[in-house]
């Protein structure tokens, strides 16, 4: 019998006592004269009964409020523990390994890029559905054999990425990856970039036709999951460097991880760091890309 009450705390005991007291005062009210028949006023027993009922009922209500509050706090704590557990499981199931990168870049059609853009537009106007010939890239700065180095430096947040502008030290980032892209994607392995003209403004853009193997990957931050990545510092370099050459302007980029999940990054903020043009952004999770011909193969 006593084992029933072994888990009772203060609130449970107070609720039980309040119920007993309310019943006792109610019984007292029924068995005693509560009102003077001559004057119509409450007797001493009547006052005691009513006061006892009010106090015990109020105490029971207060105990119920305290119990409900404690239950809500406990439920919130359990919910937090479940969320933490599920988040940890999700991180284990989403390892930090980038499989592919794709993106689209606007070519600044001026200066060293002008002849290339004019040639691409002229071909497009005469052959709107034609395949762009390799010879067009002879007018690209550095020629058809030039490479483009893609640098991705990840941070825990966009603000953290901005704070590292002056340092430009790779070891300040949590995770970094580098890719060397031929300016012309081959027909066999398809690794590299291709060109396209976007009407109605005839905007000339390069897009990553297919991601190349990474030239280097560094995990300085000890991160385990791509869910930990929330800030990105990104740059491209047409190499070898050409003095005064404007940077390729990224329109948007996509990152595909080893677990086949994807992040799309847009709205990149342009900045300068140590004479290099870089772009900073935060992640927009799991938005499909819309790159003509540039989706991962």
Foldseek 3Di string as FASTA:
>chain_A
DCVVCPPDDPLNVLLVVLVVQLVVLVVLCVPDDQADPVPRHGDPSVVVSVVSNVVSVVSNVVSVVVVVVVVVVVVVVVVVVVVVVVVVVVQQLAWPAFDFKKFKWFAPCDDQNVQLLVVQLVVCVVPVPDDDDLQSQCSHVVGQAWKKKKKKFFAQALVQVVVCQAVPDNLSGQKMWMAIARCAQDPPPRFHWDWDFDPDVRTIMIIGLTGDDIPDMDGNNPRTHPVSTWKIKIAMAGPPHDPPRDGTGTQKMKIAGPSRFIWIWHDWDWDDGPNGIITMTTIDGRDDDDDVSTPHD
